[in-house]
Amino acid sequence: MRRAAFIGLCCLLAVCGCAHQAPVQIADIGALASCSDTSAQKIGIAASVLPVEIPAELRAPGSTTGVFARRVVVTFARGSLQPGTSLLWTRLSLRTLGGTVAGWTRLQSDGVLIDVASPASARKRRAQSANDEVAAIEPGPGYITIERTSRTSRGVSSALSLDVLVAPGGVRIDEPAMRIPQLWSKEGTPLSPETLQIDLVPLRHAPGYDTLEADVVLDFVAVPRRGGVDSAVPCISSAQIRAILVDRDAVRPALWDLGVSSLNGPRARWLALSSPEMGVVRAVFESPEAATSFANWIRATQSMRAGAYGLGLFQRAGRTPLRPLVPVDLSSTETFRPLTADDARALRVGPLGEP
């Protein structure tokens, strides 16, 4: 993904022609008066976030696991700018909370288009542009910043669209999921515990599934209009908004587990496998149907073993209920105890880590 951002910067230089024509010069930004001092209007911005596909040209096997592509469109809120106000310079910053920036693939406004995956279309859009802009992009692990200036007196566009790649949580973890080729005979009777085959297959996912948000900050230099004419005196201002880039439903892995709860209460203990070779491993399934079938098999056989593993329950210490979704740790292993018949009857299926 860093390669994507680097390629995009090269496209920026090629498409915008930054080295051939200097942008409109602005006086020392720090010396400009605040737009709030010259206008009674409250300036705000709006940000909309849409899921998009990662371009096929930028995908490498395994490189996009746990990475999400989002199109962030930032505009001024309704009534924030008087009609005819010119924007001489803008700096858009996205700083993530709950994840990192893995790269970017596309930047578009009325005056510039940089498309990492389709540089030819970017050049065509550049040739058709009537309001050319110069853009400089600086990505980092937890942020991305875009500065724009105009080569003409018309200024830069008030709207900007950015396709950004983000990775929720921290380093990906491998969660062993249970795959059982057969639980029931053709006659519908449960297979005996000693003949059961259980394969543990590692599945990679984020270590947690809280939302990934971003603080979106737009700094800008504007020439406001007063009484229908330009003031000819630029001013500087800033507006900020927080946006959800990836919600919990998108981050949550498509995995399920079995837990036990009191009547009408949340699940507080979770089913796990135990063996001398591996210790305690949480029982994780790739579908709710697989989890339900295994729970029914336990009830039908009344067995406290499955294949080479003992069955039991563990309780997560500290965090509630099981976040981040790290593998079972020592404190959880110490709470493990064998499954009972009452526990088997109370087993309930739920999304991984949810109560």
Protein backbone atom coordinates (compact mmCIF):
# COMPACT_ATOMS: atom_id res chain seq x y z
CA MET A 1 0.00 0.00 0.00
CA ARG A 2 2.94 2.32 0.58
CA ARG A 3 3.83 1.56 -3.01
CA ALA A 4 0.38 2.78 -4.04
CA ALA A 5 0.93 6.10 -2.30
CA PHE A 6 4.39 6.46 -3.86
CA ILE A 7 3.04 5.73 -7.33
CA GLY A 8 0.28 8.25 -6.72
CA LEU A 9 2.81 10.95 -5.88
CA CYS A 10 4.66 10.23 -9.12
CA CYS A 11 1.36 10.50 -10.97
CA LEU A 12 0.76 13.78 -9.18
CA LEU A 13 3.91 15.28 -10.60
CA ALA A 14 3.19 13.93 -14.06
CA VAL A 15 -0.47 14.91 -14.15
CA CYS A 16 -0.33 18.27 -12.45
CA GLY A 17 2.90 19.47 -13.99
CA CYS A 18 4.03 20.91 -10.68
CA ALA A 19 7.57 21.46 -11.89
CA HIS A 20 6.56 23.47 -14.96
CA GLN A 21 4.20 26.11 -13.64
CA ALA A 22 4.14 27.65 -10.17
CA PRO A 23 0.81 27.96 -8.35
CA VAL A 24 -0.76 31.25 -7.31
CA GLN A 25 1.42 32.75 -4.60
CA ILE A 26 -0.13 33.39 -1.20
CA ALA A 27 1.28 35.71 1.43
CA ASP A 28 2.54 34.33 4.71
CA ILE A 29 -0.42 32.26 5.89
CA GLY A 30 0.37 32.92 9.53
CA ALA A 31 -0.08 36.66 8.99
CA LEU A 32 -3.56 36.41 7.50
CA ALA A 33 -6.60 37.47 9.47
CA SER A 34 -9.09 34.84 10.53
CA CYS A 35 -12.20 34.58 8.37
CA SER A 36 -14.24 34.41 11.57
CA ASP A 37 -13.06 37.95 12.34
CA THR A 38 -14.43 39.22 9.04
CA SER A 39 -17.68 37.28 8.87
CA ALA A 40 -20.46 36.45 11.28
CA GLN A 41 -21.00 33.13 9.51
CA LYS A 42 -20.02 29.89 11.21
CA ILE A 43 -17.98 27.90 8.73
CA GLY A 44 -18.39 24.13 8.81
CA ILE A 45 -17.63 21.14 6.64
CA ALA A 46 -19.45 17.93 5.81
CA ALA A 47 -17.87 14.54 5.12
CA SER A 48 -19.51 11.51 3.54
CA VAL A 49 -17.87 8.08 3.46
CA LEU A 50 -18.64 5.36 0.92
CA PRO A 51 -17.13 1.87 0.58
CA VAL A 52 -15.28 1.27 -2.69
CA GLU A 53 -13.31 -1.61 -4.18
CA ILE A 54 -9.54 -1.79 -3.94
CA PRO A 55 -8.32 -1.51 -7.56
CA ALA A 56 -7.32 -4.91 -8.92
CA GLU A 57 -4.04 -3.48 -10.21
CA LEU A 58 -2.97 -2.72 -6.63
CA ARG A 59 -3.90 -6.02 -5.05
CA ALA A 60 -1.21 -8.50 -4.17
CA PRO A 61 -1.92 -11.91 -2.62
CA GLY A 62 -2.47 -11.41 1.10
CA SER A 63 -1.53 -7.70 1.03
CA THR A 64 -5.10 -6.42 1.40
CA THR A 65 -6.24 -8.76 4.18
CA GLY A 66 -8.00 -6.58 6.73
CA VAL A 67 -7.62 -3.45 4.57
CA PHE A 68 -10.70 -1.43 3.61
CA ALA A 69 -11.08 1.09 0.79
CA ARG A 70 -13.19 4.14 1.52
CA ARG A 71 -14.11 7.20 -0.59
CA VAL A 72 -14.16 10.28 1.60
CA VAL A 73 -15.94 13.29 0.06
CA VAL A 74 -15.39 16.57 1.91
CA THR A 75 -17.40 19.71 1.16
CA PHE A 76 -18.36 22.89 2.96
CA ALA A 77 -21.55 22.65 4.98
CA ARG A 78 -24.59 24.38 3.57
CA GLY A 79 -24.43 28.13 4.10
CA SER A 80 -20.79 28.15 5.20
CA LEU A 81 -19.47 30.00 2.16
CA GLN A 82 -21.08 32.97 0.45
CA PRO A 83 -21.66 32.44 -3.27
CA GLY A 84 -18.68 33.63 -5.24
CA THR A 85 -16.12 33.21 -2.44
CA SER A 86 -12.76 32.15 -3.88
CA LEU A 87 -10.56 29.53 -2.24
CA LEU A 88 -6.86 30.19 -2.86
CA TRP A 89 -5.43 27.33 -0.79
CA THR A 90 -6.75 24.33 1.15
CA ARG A 91 -5.14 21.73 3.38
CA LEU A 92 -7.21 18.64 4.13
CA SER A 93 -6.00 16.36 6.92
CA LEU A 94 -7.37 12.98 7.93
CA ARG A 95 -6.09 11.55 11.20
CA THR A 96 -7.32 8.08 12.08
CA LEU A 97 -8.46 6.77 15.45
CA GLY A 98 -8.64 3.02 15.93
CA GLY A 99 -6.58 2.08 12.88
CA THR A 100 -3.95 3.18 10.39
CA VAL A 101 -3.72 4.60 6.88
CA ALA A 102 -2.41 1.92 4.54
CA GLY A 103 -2.30 4.11 1.40
CA TRP A 104 -4.47 5.96 -1.08
CA THR A 105 -5.52 5.32 -4.67
CA ARG A 106 -7.45 8.29 -6.03
CA LEU A 107 -7.84 12.04 -5.55
CA GLN A 108 -10.39 14.15 -7.41
CA SER A 109 -11.80 17.67 -7.43
CA ASP A 110 -13.04 19.95 -10.21
CA GLY A 111 -9.44 20.87 -10.92
CA VAL A 112 -7.38 17.71 -10.47
CA LEU A 113 -7.65 13.94 -10.83
CA ILE A 114 -4.92 11.58 -9.70
CA ASP A 115 -5.83 7.94 -10.22
CA VAL A 116 -3.11 5.51 -9.17
CA ALA A 117 -4.78 2.55 -10.86
CA SER A 118 -5.68 4.40 -14.08
CA PRO A 119 -3.05 7.08 -14.83
CA ALA A 120 -4.28 7.38 -18.43
CA SER A 121 -7.73 8.49 -17.30
CA ALA A 122 -6.11 10.98 -14.94
CA ARG A 123 -4.19 12.54 -17.81
CA LYS A 124 -7.39 12.77 -19.87
CA ARG A 125 -9.23 14.42 -16.99
CA ARG A 126 -6.31 16.82 -16.53
CA ALA A 127 -6.54 17.87 -20.17
CA GLN A 128 -10.27 18.52 -19.85
CA SER A 129 -9.96 20.50 -16.62
CA ALA A 130 -10.97 24.15 -16.74
CA ASN A 131 -9.76 24.99 -13.25
CA ASP A 132 -6.33 23.44 -12.84
CA GLU A 133 -5.01 22.81 -9.36
CA VAL A 134 -1.69 21.74 -7.91
CA ALA A 135 -1.89 19.12 -5.17
CA ALA A 136 0.71 17.83 -2.73
CA ILE A 137 -0.06 14.63 -0.80
CA GLU A 138 1.70 13.44 2.35
CA PRO A 139 0.60 10.05 3.73
CA GLY A 140 1.69 8.50 7.01
CA PRO A 141 0.72 5.54 9.20
CA GLY A 142 -2.00 7.47 11.04
CA TYR A 143 -2.75 10.38 8.74
CA ILE A 144 -2.90 11.74 5.21
CA THR A 145 -2.61 15.43 4.29
CA ILE A 146 -3.51 17.06 0.96
CA GLU A 147 -2.62 20.65 0.09
CA ARG A 148 -4.07 22.31 -2.97
CA THR A 149 -3.43 25.64 -4.66
CA SER A 150 -4.67 27.05 -7.95
CA ARG A 151 -2.71 28.08 -11.01
CA THR A 152 -5.46 30.53 -11.94
CA SER A 153 -7.40 33.34 -10.31
CA ARG A 154 -10.49 31.14 -10.15
CA GLY A 155 -9.17 29.34 -7.08
CA VAL A 156 -9.55 25.72 -6.05
CA SER A 157 -12.70 23.64 -5.86
CA SER A 158 -14.66 23.64 -2.60
CA ALA A 159 -15.20 19.84 -2.77
CA LEU A 160 -12.61 17.09 -2.68
CA SER A 161 -12.88 13.32 -3.02
CA LEU A 162 -10.21 10.94 -1.72
CA ASP A 163 -10.04 7.15 -1.95
CA VAL A 164 -8.05 6.00 1.06
CA LEU A 165 -6.99 2.55 2.27
CA VAL A 166 -7.29 1.96 6.00
CA ALA A 167 -6.56 -0.96 8.33
CA PRO A 168 -8.61 -1.16 11.55
CA GLY A 169 -7.00 -2.29 14.78
CA GLY A 170 -3.38 -3.33 15.13
CA VAL A 171 -1.38 -6.20 13.70
CA ARG A 172 -3.52 -8.95 12.17
CA ILE A 173 -3.86 -12.14 14.22
CA ASP A 174 -4.52 -15.72 13.15
CA GLU A 175 -7.51 -17.27 14.89
CA PRO A 176 -7.80 -21.09 14.65
CA ALA A 177 -11.28 -22.00 13.40
CA MET A 178 -12.82 -25.45 13.69
CA ARG A 179 -13.64 -27.46 10.58
CA ILE A 180 -15.38 -30.78 11.15
CA PRO A 181 -15.97 -32.83 7.99
CA GLN A 182 -18.77 -34.91 9.54
CA LEU A 183 -20.77 -34.80 12.79
CA TRP A 184 -23.72 -37.00 11.87
CA SER A 185 -24.19 -40.33 10.13
CA LYS A 186 -26.40 -40.79 7.08
CA GLU A 187 -29.10 -42.07 9.42
CA GLY A 188 -28.93 -38.82 11.43
CA THR A 189 -27.24 -40.28 14.49
CA PRO A 190 -24.25 -38.46 16.02
CA LEU A 191 -20.78 -39.83 15.34
CA SER A 192 -18.98 -41.18 18.37
CA PRO A 193 -16.60 -38.72 20.08
CA GLU A 194 -13.49 -40.84 19.46
CA THR A 195 -14.09 -40.94 15.68
CA LEU A 196 -14.69 -37.24 15.31
CA GLN A 197 -12.13 -35.40 13.16
CA ILE A 198 -11.49 -31.75 14.05
CA ASP A 199 -9.21 -29.60 11.89
CA LEU A 200 -8.04 -26.21 13.20
CA VAL A 201 -7.53 -23.78 10.32
CA PRO A 202 -5.95 -20.34 10.96
CA LEU A 203 -8.07 -17.40 9.78
CA ARG A 204 -6.58 -13.90 9.81
CA HIS A 205 -8.53 -10.93 11.18
CA ALA A 206 -8.14 -7.69 13.12
CA PRO A 207 -7.40 -7.98 16.86
CA GLY A 208 -10.53 -5.98 17.69
CA TYR A 209 -13.65 -4.65 16.03
CA ASP A 210 -14.30 -1.20 17.34
CA THR A 211 -15.01 1.50 14.77
CA LEU A 212 -12.26 3.17 12.80
CA GLU A 213 -12.85 6.92 12.77
CA ALA A 214 -11.02 9.95 11.43
CA ASP A 215 -10.76 13.57 12.43
CA VAL A 216 -11.24 15.48 9.18
CA VAL A 217 -9.72 18.97 9.33
CA LEU A 218 -9.90 21.51 6.51
CA ASP A 219 -7.70 24.59 6.70
CA PHE A 220 -8.24 27.11 3.91
CA VAL A 221 -7.42 30.58 2.64
CA ALA A 222 -10.41 32.35 1.09
CA VAL A 223 -11.29 35.67 -0.52
CA PRO A 224 -14.83 36.29 0.74
CA ARG A 225 -17.45 38.39 -1.03
CA ARG A 226 -19.07 41.35 0.69
CA GLY A 227 -21.98 43.15 -0.83
CA GLY A 228 -21.67 41.11 -4.03
CA VAL A 229 -18.01 41.97 -4.69
CA ASP A 230 -14.72 40.33 -3.75
CA SER A 231 -13.06 41.82 -0.69
CA ALA A 232 -9.65 41.19 -2.33
CA VAL A 233 -8.33 40.53 1.19
CA PRO A 234 -7.67 36.84 1.83
CA CYS A 235 -8.39 35.35 5.22
CA ILE A 236 -7.68 31.99 6.81
CA SER A 237 -10.00 29.64 8.63
CA SER A 238 -10.38 26.02 9.70
CA ALA A 239 -13.23 23.57 10.18
CA GLN A 240 -13.29 20.08 11.62
CA ILE A 241 -15.60 17.09 11.72
CA ARG A 242 -15.29 13.47 12.80
CA ALA A 243 -16.31 10.71 10.39
CA ILE A 244 -16.65 6.95 10.73
CA LEU A 245 -14.53 5.28 8.07
CA VAL A 246 -15.22 1.66 9.00
CA ASP A 247 -18.06 0.64 11.31
CA ARG A 248 -18.14 -2.36 13.62
CA ASP A 249 -20.22 -4.51 11.28
CA ALA A 250 -17.63 -4.11 8.52
CA VAL A 251 -14.69 -4.90 10.82
CA ARG A 252 -16.26 -7.84 12.61
CA PRO A 253 -14.87 -11.09 11.20
CA ALA A 254 -17.38 -13.59 9.82
CA LEU A 255 -16.73 -15.94 12.73
CA TRP A 256 -18.97 -17.34 15.47
CA ASP A 257 -18.53 -19.03 18.84
CA LEU A 258 -20.51 -20.84 21.54
CA GLY A 259 -21.10 -19.35 24.95
CA VAL A 260 -23.09 -19.98 28.11
CA SER A 261 -25.25 -17.45 29.92
CA SER A 262 -27.78 -17.30 32.69
CA LEU A 263 -31.46 -17.02 31.73
CA ASN A 264 -31.96 -13.95 29.48
CA GLY A 265 -28.47 -12.76 30.37
CA PRO A 266 -25.39 -12.08 28.22
CA ARG A 267 -22.91 -14.84 27.49
CA ALA A 268 -20.16 -14.80 30.10
CA ARG A 269 -18.29 -18.07 29.46
CA TRP A 270 -17.17 -19.51 26.15
CA LEU A 271 -16.62 -23.00 24.79
CA ALA A 272 -13.02 -24.07 24.25
CA LEU A 273 -10.99 -27.12 23.26
CA SER A 274 -8.24 -28.43 25.48
CA SER A 275 -5.35 -30.79 24.88
CA PRO A 276 -1.94 -31.36 26.53
CA GLU A 277 -0.21 -30.40 23.27
CA MET A 278 -1.99 -27.09 22.61
CA GLY A 279 -3.50 -26.04 25.91
CA VAL A 280 -6.78 -24.12 25.68
CA VAL A 281 -8.10 -22.96 22.29
CA ARG A 282 -11.37 -21.08 21.84
CA ALA A 283 -13.98 -22.94 19.75
CA VAL A 284 -14.48 -20.73 16.69
CA PHE A 285 -16.70 -21.51 13.69
CA GLU A 286 -16.98 -20.14 10.16
CA SER A 287 -20.79 -20.08 10.17
CA PRO A 288 -23.58 -20.00 12.75
CA GLU A 289 -24.90 -23.24 11.26
CA ALA A 290 -21.61 -25.02 11.99
CA ALA A 291 -21.66 -23.75 15.57
CA THR A 292 -25.29 -24.80 16.07
CA SER A 293 -24.63 -28.26 14.67
CA PHE A 294 -21.69 -28.78 17.02
CA ALA A 295 -23.76 -27.65 20.02
CA ASN A 296 -26.50 -30.11 19.02
CA TRP A 297 -23.91 -32.88 18.67
CA ILE A 298 -22.65 -32.18 22.21
CA ARG A 299 -26.20 -32.38 23.58
CA ALA A 300 -26.96 -35.55 21.61
CA THR A 301 -23.82 -37.40 22.70
CA GLN A 302 -23.59 -35.84 26.18
CA SER A 303 -19.86 -36.14 25.64
CA MET A 304 -17.28 -33.90 27.27
CA ARG A 305 -14.73 -34.81 24.59
CA ALA A 306 -14.61 -34.31 20.82
CA GLY A 307 -11.95 -36.20 18.92
CA ALA A 308 -8.57 -35.56 20.52
CA TYR A 309 -9.84 -32.63 22.59
CA GLY A 310 -11.54 -32.12 25.89
CA LEU A 311 -14.45 -29.68 26.02
CA GLY A 312 -14.80 -26.94 28.59
CA LEU A 313 -15.61 -23.31 29.29
CA PHE A 314 -13.34 -20.37 29.97
CA GLN A 315 -14.01 -16.85 31.19
CA ARG A 316 -12.19 -13.82 29.94
CA ALA A 317 -10.49 -11.84 32.69
CA GLY A 318 -10.50 -8.05 32.60
CA ARG A 319 -11.96 -6.73 29.34
CA THR A 320 -15.64 -7.11 28.57
CA PRO A 321 -16.53 -9.32 26.95
CA LEU A 322 -13.66 -10.51 24.76
CA ARG A 323 -12.03 -7.43 23.30
CA PRO A 324 -9.61 -7.20 21.71
CA LEU A 325 -10.17 -10.52 19.96
CA VAL A 326 -6.77 -11.91 20.84
CA PRO A 327 -6.24 -15.65 21.31
CA VAL A 328 -6.96 -17.11 24.73
CA ASP A 329 -4.31 -15.87 27.15
CA LEU A 330 -2.95 -17.28 30.41
CA SER A 331 -5.55 -15.57 32.59
CA SER A 332 -8.32 -17.11 30.51
CA THR A 333 -6.65 -20.53 30.56
CA GLU A 334 -6.65 -20.45 34.34
CA THR A 335 -10.46 -20.08 34.30
CA PHE A 336 -10.99 -23.15 32.10
CA ARG A 337 -13.09 -25.93 33.56
CA PRO A 338 -14.66 -29.05 32.03
CA LEU A 339 -18.06 -28.79 30.39
CA THR A 340 -21.07 -30.13 32.30
CA ALA A 341 -24.44 -31.41 31.09
CA ASP A 342 -26.10 -28.21 32.34
CA ASP A 343 -23.55 -26.15 30.41
CA ALA A 344 -24.27 -28.12 27.23
CA ARG A 345 -27.97 -27.36 27.47
CA ALA A 346 -27.24 -23.64 27.91
CA LEU A 347 -24.87 -23.24 24.91
CA ARG A 348 -25.84 -20.33 22.64
CA VAL A 349 -24.40 -19.26 19.28
CA GLY A 350 -23.22 -15.70 18.79
CA PRO A 351 -20.82 -13.54 16.76
CA LEU A 352 -17.22 -13.97 17.84
CA GLY A 353 -16.57 -12.16 21.10
CA GLU A 354 -20.08 -10.81 21.51
CA PRO A 355 -22.00 -11.39 24.76
